[in-house]
Amino acid sequence: MTVTTKKWDVAEHLDSDERVALFLEAVFEEGDPADIAAAIGEVARARGMTQIAKDAGLSRENLYRSLREDGNPEFATILKVIRAIGYDLTVVPQNAAAK
């Protein structure tokens, strides 16, 4: 019997607002900037890069380049994409987040 496998793709599982929010929350809690950019890229890919680029006011190529694994997006780009995927960033005092 032959076993067929395929590469696991997180974007296939980001099929609801709740899953996206939980995914982003977990990545932000870890705090690694490269992982955050990559996670935002995965959400954008799950939602459709062309539409997200349009909604963010970016070219599709620029969006891919910024959010790829070795990309280094500007904070303004991150904010535009976060808003385009339907989320906002908020700041919470660290002691409040621990409660």
PDB file of N, CA and C in Angstrom:
ATOM      1  N   MET A   1       0.843  -1.181   0.000  1.00  0.00           N
ATOM      2  CA  MET A   1       0.000   0.000   0.000  1.00  0.00           C
ATOM      3  C   MET A   1       0.892   1.249   0.000  1.00  0.00           C
ATOM      4  N   THR A   2       0.618   2.155  -0.900  1.00  0.00           N
ATOM      5  CA  THR A   2       1.373   3.389  -1.012  1.00  0.00           C
ATOM      6  C   THR A   2       0.651   4.502  -0.261  1.00  0.00           C
ATOM      7  N   VAL A   3       1.413   5.249   0.511  1.00  0.00           N
ATOM      8  CA  VAL A   3       0.856   6.381   1.243  1.00  0.00           C
ATOM      9  C   VAL A   3       1.234   7.653   0.492  1.00  0.00           C
ATOM     10  N   THR A   4       0.233   8.439   0.183  1.00  0.00           N
ATOM     11  CA  THR A   4       0.456   9.705  -0.508  1.00  0.00           C
ATOM     12  C   THR A   4       0.308  10.831   0.497  1.00  0.00           C
ATOM     13  N   THR A   5       1.264  11.718   0.502  1.00  0.00           N
ATOM     14  CA  THR A   5       1.212  12.861   1.411  1.00  0.00           C
ATOM     15  C   THR A   5       1.330  14.148   0.610  1.00  0.00           C
ATOM     16  N   LYS A   6       0.949  15.212   1.242  1.00  0.00           N
ATOM     17  CA  LYS A   6       1.145  16.527   0.628  1.00  0.00           C
ATOM     18  C   LYS A   6       1.599  17.479   1.718  1.00  0.00           C
ATOM     19  N   LYS A   7       2.256  18.530   1.317  1.00  0.00           N
ATOM     20  CA  LYS A   7       2.761  19.520   2.260  1.00  0.00           C
ATOM     21  C   LYS A   7       1.583  20.187   2.968  1.00  0.00           C
ATOM     22  N   TRP A   8       1.690  20.309   4.294  1.00  0.00           N
ATOM     23  CA  TRP A   8       0.643  20.950   5.076  1.00  0.00           C
ATOM     24  C   TRP A   8       0.638  22.438   4.763  1.00  0.00           C
ATOM     25  N   ASP A   9      -0.532  22.991   4.521  1.00  0.00           N
ATOM     26  CA  ASP A   9      -0.682  24.398   4.146  1.00  0.00           C
ATOM     27  C   ASP A   9      -1.618  25.081   5.126  1.00  0.00           C
ATOM     28  N   VAL A  10      -1.065  25.961   5.954  1.00  0.00           N
ATOM     29  CA  VAL A  10      -1.872  26.635   6.977  1.00  0.00           C
ATOM     30  C   VAL A  10      -3.013  27.432   6.351  1.00  0.00           C
ATOM     31  N   ALA A  11      -2.806  27.981   5.171  1.00  0.00           N
ATOM     32  CA  ALA A  11      -3.839  28.809   4.539  1.00  0.00           C
ATOM     33  C   ALA A  11      -5.125  28.022   4.285  1.00  0.00           C
ATOM     34  N   GLU A  12      -5.006  26.718   4.097  1.00  0.00           N
ATOM     35  CA  GLU A  12      -6.194  25.896   3.882  1.00  0.00           C
ATOM     36  C   GLU A  12      -7.077  25.820   5.126  1.00  0.00           C
ATOM     37  N   HIS A  13      -6.501  26.120   6.282  1.00  0.00           N
ATOM     38  CA  HIS A  13      -7.224  26.003   7.546  1.00  0.00           C
ATOM     39  C   HIS A  13      -7.684  27.359   8.091  1.00  0.00           C
ATOM     40  N   LEU A  14      -7.340  28.420   7.396  1.00  0.00           N
ATOM     41  CA  LEU A  14      -7.737  29.765   7.825  1.00  0.00           C
ATOM     42  C   LEU A  14      -9.029  30.142   7.107  1.00  0.00           C
ATOM     43  N   ASP A  15     -10.058  29.375   7.385  1.00  0.00           N
ATOM     44  CA  ASP A  15     -11.307  29.489   6.642  1.00  0.00           C
ATOM     45  C   ASP A  15     -12.431  30.178   7.409  1.00  0.00           C
ATOM     46  N   SER A  16     -12.101  30.773   8.559  1.00  0.00           N
ATOM     47  CA  SER A  16     -13.113  31.536   9.301  1.00  0.00           C
ATOM     48  C   SER A  16     -12.422  32.681  10.031  1.00  0.00           C
ATOM     49  N   ASP A  17     -13.205  33.699  10.350  1.00  0.00           N
ATOM     50  CA  ASP A  17     -12.647  34.835  11.092  1.00  0.00           C
ATOM     51  C   ASP A  17     -12.082  34.388  12.431  1.00  0.00           C
ATOM     52  N   GLU A  18     -12.743  33.445  13.065  1.00  0.00           N
ATOM     53  CA  GLU A  18     -12.279  32.956  14.373  1.00  0.00           C
ATOM     54  C   GLU A  18     -10.917  32.277  14.253  1.00  0.00           C
ATOM     55  N   ARG A  19     -10.756  31.426  13.257  1.00  0.00           N
ATOM     56  CA  ARG A  19      -9.474  30.740  13.077  1.00  0.00           C
ATOM     57  C   ARG A  19      -8.363  31.715  12.739  1.00  0.00           C
ATOM     58  N   VAL A  20      -8.660  32.691  11.907  1.00  0.00           N
ATOM     59  CA  VAL A  20      -7.665  33.704  11.555  1.00  0.00           C
ATOM     60  C   VAL A  20      -7.257  34.480  12.803  1.00  0.00           C
ATOM     61  N   ALA A  21      -8.230  34.898  13.592  1.00  0.00           N
ATOM     62  CA  ALA A  21      -7.939  35.672  14.800  1.00  0.00           C
ATOM     63  C   ALA A  21      -7.091  34.856  15.777  1.00  0.00           C
ATOM     64  N   LEU A  22      -7.420  33.602  15.977  1.00  0.00           N
ATOM     65  CA  LEU A  22      -6.652  32.752  16.888  1.00  0.00           C
ATOM     66  C   LEU A  22      -5.234  32.536  16.374  1.00  0.00           C
ATOM     67  N   PHE A  23      -5.101  32.334  15.079  1.00  0.00           N
ATOM     68  CA  PHE A  23      -3.784  32.158  14.456  1.00  0.00           C
ATOM     69  C   PHE A  23      -2.925  33.399  14.654  1.00  0.00           C
ATOM     70  N   LEU A  24      -3.472  34.565  14.317  1.00  0.00           N
ATOM     71  CA  LEU A  24      -2.705  35.806  14.458  1.00  0.00           C
ATOM     72  C   LEU A  24      -2.388  36.100  15.921  1.00  0.00           C
ATOM     73  N   GLU A  25      -3.337  35.848  16.800  1.00  0.00           N
ATOM     74  CA  GLU A  25      -3.106  36.075  18.228  1.00  0.00           C
ATOM     75  C   GLU A  25      -1.932  35.231  18.720  1.00  0.00           C
ATOM     76  N   ALA A  26      -1.882  33.981  18.335  1.00  0.00           N
ATOM     77  CA  ALA A  26      -0.795  33.098  18.760  1.00  0.00           C
ATOM     78  C   ALA A  26       0.551  33.582  18.232  1.00  0.00           C
ATOM     79  N   VAL A  27       0.580  34.008  16.986  1.00  0.00           N
ATOM     80  CA  VAL A  27       1.835  34.475  16.391  1.00  0.00           C
ATOM     81  C   VAL A  27       2.292  35.779  17.049  1.00  0.00           C
ATOM     82  N   PHE A  28       1.344  36.687  17.292  1.00  0.00           N
ATOM     83  CA  PHE A  28       1.700  37.945  17.950  1.00  0.00           C
ATOM     84  C   PHE A  28       2.191  37.704  19.377  1.00  0.00           C
ATOM     85  N   GLU A  29       1.636  36.728  20.065  1.00  0.00           N
ATOM     86  CA  GLU A  29       2.086  36.423  21.423  1.00  0.00           C
ATOM     87  C   GLU A  29       3.541  35.982  21.432  1.00  0.00           C
ATOM     88  N   GLU A  30       3.950  35.238  20.407  1.00  0.00           N
ATOM     89  CA  GLU A  30       5.348  34.810  20.311  1.00  0.00           C
ATOM     90  C   GLU A  30       6.258  36.005  20.060  1.00  0.00           C
ATOM     91  N   GLY A  31       5.793  36.958  19.251  1.00  0.00           N
ATOM     92  CA  GLY A  31       6.485  38.229  19.078  1.00  0.00           C
ATOM     93  C   GLY A  31       7.614  38.285  18.073  1.00  0.00           C
ATOM     94  N   ASP A  32       7.843  37.251  17.303  1.00  0.00           N
ATOM     95  CA  ASP A  32       8.922  37.292  16.314  1.00  0.00           C
ATOM     96  C   ASP A  32       8.448  38.060  15.079  1.00  0.00           C
ATOM     97  N   PRO A  33       9.090  39.181  14.746  1.00  0.00           N
ATOM     98  CA  PRO A  33       8.631  40.005  13.623  1.00  0.00           C
ATOM     99  C   PRO A  33       8.554  39.252  12.288  1.00  0.00           C
ATOM    100  N   ALA A  34       9.517  38.391  12.019  1.00  0.00           N
ATOM    101  CA  ALA A  34       9.499  37.642  10.759  1.00  0.00           C
ATOM    102  C   ALA A  34       8.311  36.679  10.724  1.00  0.00           C
ATOM    103  N   ASP A  35       8.038  36.048  11.858  1.00  0.00           N
ATOM    104  CA  ASP A  35       6.889  35.134  11.921  1.00  0.00           C
ATOM    105  C   ASP A  35       5.574  35.885  11.790  1.00  0.00           C
ATOM    106  N   ILE A  36       5.506  37.081  12.363  1.00  0.00           N
ATOM    107  CA  ILE A  36       4.290  37.894  12.261  1.00  0.00           C
ATOM    108  C   ILE A  36       4.038  38.268  10.799  1.00  0.00           C
ATOM    109  N   ALA A  37       5.071  38.735  10.118  1.00  0.00           N
ATOM    110  CA  ALA A  37       4.919  39.095   8.706  1.00  0.00           C
ATOM    111  C   ALA A  37       4.515  37.883   7.875  1.00  0.00           C
ATOM    112  N   ALA A  38       5.143  36.743   8.140  1.00  0.00           N
ATOM    113  CA  ALA A  38       4.806  35.523   7.402  1.00  0.00           C
ATOM    114  C   ALA A  38       3.372  35.090   7.676  1.00  0.00           C
ATOM    115  N   ALA A  39       2.929  35.198   8.923  1.00  0.00           N
ATOM    116  CA  ALA A  39       1.555  34.813   9.279  1.00  0.00           C
ATOM    117  C   ALA A  39       0.542  35.726   8.598  1.00  0.00           C
ATOM    118  N   ILE A  40       0.832  37.010   8.564  1.00  0.00           N
ATOM    119  CA  ILE A  40      -0.057  37.947   7.874  1.00  0.00           C
ATOM    120  C   ILE A  40      -0.102  37.592   6.390  1.00  0.00           C
ATOM    121  N   GLY A  41       1.039  37.183   5.838  1.00  0.00           N
ATOM    122  CA  GLY A  41       1.087  36.736   4.450  1.00  0.00           C
ATOM    123  C   GLY A  41       0.242  35.499   4.208  1.00  0.00           C
ATOM    124  N   GLU A  42       0.254  34.565   5.166  1.00  0.00           N
ATOM    125  CA  GLU A  42      -0.570  33.356   5.037  1.00  0.00           C
ATOM    126  C   GLU A  42      -2.057  33.702   5.056  1.00  0.00           C
ATOM    127  N   VAL A  43      -2.434  34.634   5.926  1.00  0.00           N
ATOM    128  CA  VAL A  43      -3.837  35.056   5.988  1.00  0.00           C
ATOM    129  C   VAL A  43      -4.221  35.748   4.673  1.00  0.00           C
ATOM    130  N   ALA A  44      -3.340  36.606   4.181  1.00  0.00           N
ATOM    131  CA  ALA A  44      -3.615  37.289   2.913  1.00  0.00           C
ATOM    132  C   ALA A  44      -3.759  36.269   1.782  1.00  0.00           C
ATOM    133  N   ARG A  45      -2.911  35.253   1.786  1.00  0.00           N
ATOM    134  CA  ARG A  45      -2.996  34.211   0.754  1.00  0.00           C
ATOM    135  C   ARG A  45      -4.308  33.443   0.877  1.00  0.00           C
ATOM    136  N   ALA A  46      -4.715  33.157   2.109  1.00  0.00           N
ATOM    137  CA  ALA A  46      -5.978  32.434   2.330  1.00  0.00           C
ATOM    138  C   ALA A  46      -7.174  33.263   1.868  1.00  0.00           C
ATOM    139  N   ARG A  47      -7.075  34.580   2.012  1.00  0.00           N
ATOM    140  CA  ARG A  47      -8.183  35.462   1.637  1.00  0.00           C
ATOM    141  C   ARG A  47      -8.133  35.869   0.174  1.00  0.00           C
ATOM    142  N   GLY A  48      -6.985  35.653  -0.479  1.00  0.00           N
ATOM    143  CA  GLY A  48      -6.821  36.034  -1.885  1.00  0.00           C
ATOM    144  C   GLY A  48      -5.883  37.215  -2.014  1.00  0.00           C
ATOM    145  N   MET A  49      -4.660  36.954  -2.410  1.00  0.00           N
ATOM    146  CA  MET A  49      -3.626  37.994  -2.469  1.00  0.00           C
ATOM    147  C   MET A  49      -4.014  39.153  -3.382  1.00  0.00           C
ATOM    148  N   THR A  50      -4.623  38.852  -4.505  1.00  0.00           N
ATOM    149  CA  THR A  50      -4.970  39.919  -5.441  1.00  0.00           C
ATOM    150  C   THR A  50      -5.943  40.903  -4.805  1.00  0.00           C
ATOM    151  N   GLN A  51      -6.972  40.402  -4.157  1.00  0.00           N
ATOM    152  CA  GLN A  51      -7.964  41.272  -3.531  1.00  0.00           C
ATOM    153  C   GLN A  51      -7.367  42.016  -2.334  1.00  0.00           C
ATOM    154  N   ILE A  52      -6.558  41.337  -1.536  1.00  0.00           N
ATOM    155  CA  ILE A  52      -5.933  41.980  -0.373  1.00  0.00           C
ATOM    156  C   ILE A  52      -4.999  43.088  -0.839  1.00  0.00           C
ATOM    157  N   ALA A  53      -4.222  42.827  -1.873  1.00  0.00           N
ATOM    158  CA  ALA A  53      -3.328  43.861  -2.411  1.00  0.00           C
ATOM    159  C   ALA A  53      -4.135  45.071  -2.868  1.00  0.00           C
ATOM    160  N   LYS A  54      -5.210  44.823  -3.568  1.00  0.00           N
ATOM    161  CA  LYS A  54      -6.065  45.918  -4.040  1.00  0.00           C
ATOM    162  C   LYS A  54      -6.633  46.699  -2.860  1.00  0.00           C
ATOM    163  N   ASP A  55      -7.180  45.987  -1.862  1.00  0.00           N
ATOM    164  CA  ASP A  55      -7.773  46.644  -0.691  1.00  0.00           C
ATOM    165  C   ASP A  55      -6.739  47.414   0.124  1.00  0.00           C
ATOM    166  N   ALA A  56      -5.491  46.946   0.104  1.00  0.00           N
ATOM    167  CA  ALA A  56      -4.423  47.602   0.863  1.00  0.00           C
ATOM    168  C   ALA A  56      -3.762  48.728   0.072  1.00  0.00           C
ATOM    169  N   GLY A  57      -4.107  48.845  -1.197  1.00  0.00           N
ATOM    170  CA  GLY A  57      -3.501  49.880  -2.028  1.00  0.00           C
ATOM    171  C   GLY A  57      -2.069  49.554  -2.411  1.00  0.00           C
ATOM    172  N   LEU A  58      -1.779  48.263  -2.555  1.00  0.00           N
ATOM    173  CA  LEU A  58      -0.439  47.804  -2.905  1.00  0.00           C
ATOM    174  C   LEU A  58      -0.503  46.995  -4.187  1.00  0.00           C
ATOM    175  N   SER A  59       0.629  46.893  -4.862  1.00  0.00           N
ATOM    176  CA  SER A  59       0.664  45.978  -6.003  1.00  0.00           C
ATOM    177  C   SER A  59       0.761  44.553  -5.469  1.00  0.00           C
ATOM    178  N   ARG A  60       0.255  43.628  -6.227  1.00  0.00           N
ATOM    179  CA  ARG A  60       0.297  42.224  -5.817  1.00  0.00           C
ATOM    180  C   ARG A  60       1.744  41.767  -5.641  1.00  0.00           C
ATOM    181  N   GLU A  61       2.627  42.197  -6.546  1.00  0.00           N
ATOM    182  CA  GLU A  61       4.040  41.828  -6.479  1.00  0.00           C
ATOM    183  C   GLU A  61       4.685  42.380  -5.209  1.00  0.00           C
ATOM    184  N   ASN A  62       4.359  43.635  -4.864  1.00  0.00           N
ATOM    185  CA  ASN A  62       4.913  44.252  -3.661  1.00  0.00           C
ATOM    186  C   ASN A  62       4.432  43.511  -2.411  1.00  0.00           C
ATOM    187  N   LEU A  63       3.167  43.102  -2.423  1.00  0.00           N
ATOM    188  CA  LEU A  63       2.622  42.370  -1.288  1.00  0.00           C
ATOM    189  C   LEU A  63       3.342  41.037  -1.116  1.00  0.00           C
ATOM    190  N   TYR A  64       3.500  40.292  -2.198  1.00  0.00           N
ATOM    191  CA  TYR A  64       4.226  39.021  -2.130  1.00  0.00           C
ATOM    192  C   TYR A  64       5.658  39.236  -1.637  1.00  0.00           C
ATOM    193  N   ARG A  65       6.335  40.225  -2.200  1.00  0.00           N
ATOM    194  CA  ARG A  65       7.731  40.507  -1.839  1.00  0.00           C
ATOM    195  C   ARG A  65       7.852  40.894  -0.376  1.00  0.00           C
ATOM    196  N   SER A  66       6.940  41.707   0.114  1.00  0.00           N
ATOM    197  CA  SER A  66       6.993  42.162   1.500  1.00  0.00           C
ATOM    198  C   SER A  66       6.734  41.042   2.501  1.00  0.00           C
ATOM    199  N   LEU A  67       5.817  40.144   2.159  1.00  0.00           N
ATOM    200  CA  LEU A  67       5.374  39.146   3.130  1.00  0.00           C
ATOM    201  C   LEU A  67       5.992  37.765   2.930  1.00  0.00           C
ATOM    202  N   ARG A  68       6.939  37.656   2.023  1.00  0.00           N
ATOM    203  CA  ARG A  68       7.598  36.357   1.877  1.00  0.00           C
ATOM    204  C   ARG A  68       8.523  36.115   3.069  1.00  0.00           C
ATOM    205  N   GLU A  69       9.023  34.909   3.174  1.00  0.00           N
ATOM    206  CA  GLU A  69       9.798  34.499   4.345  1.00  0.00           C
ATOM    207  C   GLU A  69      10.989  35.415   4.618  1.00  0.00           C
ATOM    208  N   ASP A  70      11.678  35.848   3.576  1.00  0.00           N
ATOM    209  CA  ASP A  70      12.841  36.718   3.778  1.00  0.00           C
ATOM    210  C   ASP A  70      12.513  38.190   3.525  1.00  0.00           C
ATOM    211  N   GLY A  71      11.220  38.508   3.463  1.00  0.00           N
ATOM    212  CA  GLY A  71      10.804  39.894   3.254  1.00  0.00           C
ATOM    213  C   GLY A  71      11.025  40.722   4.506  1.00  0.00           C
ATOM    214  N   ASN A  72      11.002  42.023   4.338  1.00  0.00           N
ATOM    215  CA  ASN A  72      11.184  42.937   5.454  1.00  0.00           C
ATOM    216  C   ASN A  72      10.210  44.100   5.263  1.00  0.00           C
ATOM    217  N   PRO A  73       8.918  43.840   5.513  1.00  0.00           N
ATOM    218  CA  PRO A  73       7.912  44.869   5.215  1.00  0.00           C
ATOM    219  C   PRO A  73       8.016  46.065   6.156  1.00  0.00           C
ATOM    220  N   GLU A  74       7.678  47.208   5.620  1.00  0.00           N
ATOM    221  CA  GLU A  74       7.577  48.397   6.464  1.00  0.00           C
ATOM    222  C   GLU A  74       6.346  48.255   7.345  1.00  0.00           C
ATOM    223  N   PHE A  75       6.372  48.943   8.485  1.00  0.00           N
ATOM    224  CA  PHE A  75       5.239  48.866   9.401  1.00  0.00           C
ATOM    225  C   PHE A  75       3.969  49.375   8.731  1.00  0.00           C
ATOM    226  N   ALA A  76       4.096  50.385   7.887  1.00  0.00           N
ATOM    227  CA  ALA A  76       2.930  50.914   7.167  1.00  0.00           C
ATOM    228  C   ALA A  76       2.297  49.831   6.290  1.00  0.00           C
ATOM    229  N   THR A  77       3.120  48.994   5.684  1.00  0.00           N
ATOM    230  CA  THR A  77       2.599  47.897   4.861  1.00  0.00           C
ATOM    231  C   THR A  77       1.848  46.900   5.721  1.00  0.00           C
ATOM    232  N   ILE A  78       2.412  46.556   6.875  1.00  0.00           N
ATOM    233  CA  ILE A  78       1.744  45.632   7.796  1.00  0.00           C
ATOM    234  C   ILE A  78       0.378  46.190   8.197  1.00  0.00           C
ATOM    235  N   LEU A  79       0.328  47.465   8.551  1.00  0.00           N
ATOM    236  CA  LEU A  79      -0.949  48.077   8.945  1.00  0.00           C
ATOM    237  C   LEU A  79      -1.968  48.038   7.809  1.00  0.00           C
ATOM    238  N   LYS A  80      -1.532  48.341   6.605  1.00  0.00           N
ATOM    239  CA  LYS A  80      -2.444  48.318   5.458  1.00  0.00           C
ATOM    240  C   LYS A  80      -3.007  46.920   5.233  1.00  0.00           C
ATOM    241  N   VAL A  81      -2.153  45.930   5.339  1.00  0.00           N
ATOM    242  CA  VAL A  81      -2.595  44.557   5.090  1.00  0.00           C
ATOM    243  C   VAL A  81      -3.499  44.075   6.219  1.00  0.00           C
ATOM    244  N   ILE A  82      -3.136  44.391   7.463  1.00  0.00           N
ATOM    245  CA  ILE A  82      -3.983  44.014   8.604  1.00  0.00           C
ATOM    246  C   ILE A  82      -5.397  44.566   8.401  1.00  0.00           C
ATOM    247  N   ARG A  83      -5.490  45.815   7.993  1.00  0.00           N
ATOM    248  CA  ARG A  83      -6.807  46.418   7.763  1.00  0.00           C
ATOM    249  C   ARG A  83      -7.507  45.781   6.568  1.00  0.00           C
ATOM    250  N   ALA A  84      -6.754  45.468   5.523  1.00  0.00           N
ATOM    251  CA  ALA A  84      -7.343  44.870   4.331  1.00  0.00           C
ATOM    252  C   ALA A  84      -7.898  43.472   4.606  1.00  0.00           C
ATOM    253  N   ILE A  85      -7.311  42.746   5.564  1.00  0.00           N
ATOM    254  CA  ILE A  85      -7.837  41.416   5.887  1.00  0.00           C
ATOM    255  C   ILE A  85      -8.945  41.491   6.931  1.00  0.00           C
ATOM    256  N   GLY A  86      -9.253  42.725   7.365  1.00  0.00           N
ATOM    257  CA  GLY A  86     -10.412  42.917   8.230  1.00  0.00           C
ATOM    258  C   GLY A  86     -10.118  42.981   9.716  1.00  0.00           C
ATOM    259  N   TYR A  87      -8.901  43.345  10.081  1.00  0.00           N
ATOM    260  CA  TYR A  87      -8.538  43.420  11.494  1.00  0.00           C
ATOM    261  C   TYR A  87      -7.915  44.767  11.817  1.00  0.00           C
ATOM    262  N   ASP A  88      -7.816  45.069  13.103  1.00  0.00           N
ATOM    263  CA  ASP A  88      -7.124  46.250  13.603  1.00  0.00           C
ATOM    264  C   ASP A  88      -6.095  45.805  14.617  1.00  0.00           C
ATOM    265  N   LEU A  89      -5.066  46.592  14.773  1.00  0.00           N
ATOM    266  CA  LEU A  89      -4.092  46.352  15.836  1.00  0.00           C
ATOM    267  C   LEU A  89      -4.450  47.234  17.015  1.00  0.00           C
ATOM    268  N   THR A  90      -4.345  46.692  18.204  1.00  0.00           N
ATOM    269  CA  THR A  90      -4.579  47.484  19.406  1.00  0.00           C
ATOM    270  C   THR A  90      -3.428  47.255  20.364  1.00  0.00           C
ATOM    271  N   VAL A  91      -3.249  48.188  21.251  1.00  0.00           N
ATOM    272  CA  VAL A  91      -2.202  48.095  22.263  1.00  0.00           C
ATOM    273  C   VAL A  91      -2.869  47.859  23.608  1.00  0.00           C
ATOM    274  N   VAL A  92      -2.355  46.876  24.339  1.00  0.00           N
ATOM    275  CA  VAL A  92      -2.880  46.519  25.648  1.00  0.00           C
ATOM    276  C   VAL A  92      -1.699  46.507  26.609  1.00  0.00           C
ATOM    277  N   PRO A  93      -1.840  47.150  27.774  1.00  0.00           N
ATOM    278  CA  PRO A  93      -0.734  47.084  28.742  1.00  0.00           C
ATOM    279  C   PRO A  93      -0.403  45.628  29.066  1.00  0.00           C
ATOM    280  N   GLN A  94       0.882  45.339  29.225  1.00  0.00           N
ATOM    281  CA  GLN A  94       1.297  43.965  29.479  1.00  0.00           C
ATOM    282  C   GLN A  94       0.651  43.376  30.728  1.00  0.00           C
ATOM    283  N   ASN A  95       0.523  44.164  31.770  1.00  0.00           N
ATOM    284  CA  ASN A  95      -0.072  43.627  32.994  1.00  0.00           C
ATOM    285  C   ASN A  95      -1.568  43.331  32.792  1.00  0.00           C
ATOM    286  N   ALA A  96      -2.234  44.042  31.891  1.00  0.00           N
ATOM    287  CA  ALA A  96      -3.648  43.781  31.615  1.00  0.00           C
ATOM    288  C   ALA A  96      -3.795  42.491  30.802  1.00  0.00           C
ATOM    289  N   ALA A  97      -2.847  42.225  29.913  1.00  0.00           N
ATOM    290  CA  ALA A  97      -2.914  41.026  29.076  1.00  0.00           C
ATOM    291  C   ALA A  97      -2.696  39.757  29.918  1.00  0.00           C
ATOM    292  N   ALA A  98      -1.979  39.875  31.004  1.00  0.00           N
ATOM    293  CA  ALA A  98      -1.695  38.704  31.846  1.00  0.00           C
ATOM    294  C   ALA A  98      -2.877  38.303  32.697  1.00  0.00           C
ATOM    295  N   LYS A  99      -3.823  39.199  32.898  1.00  0.00           N
ATOM    296  CA  LYS A  99      -4.968  38.910  33.785  1.00  0.00           C
ATOM    297  C   LYS A  99      -5.969  38.019  33.177  1.00  0.00           C
TER     298      LYS A  99
END
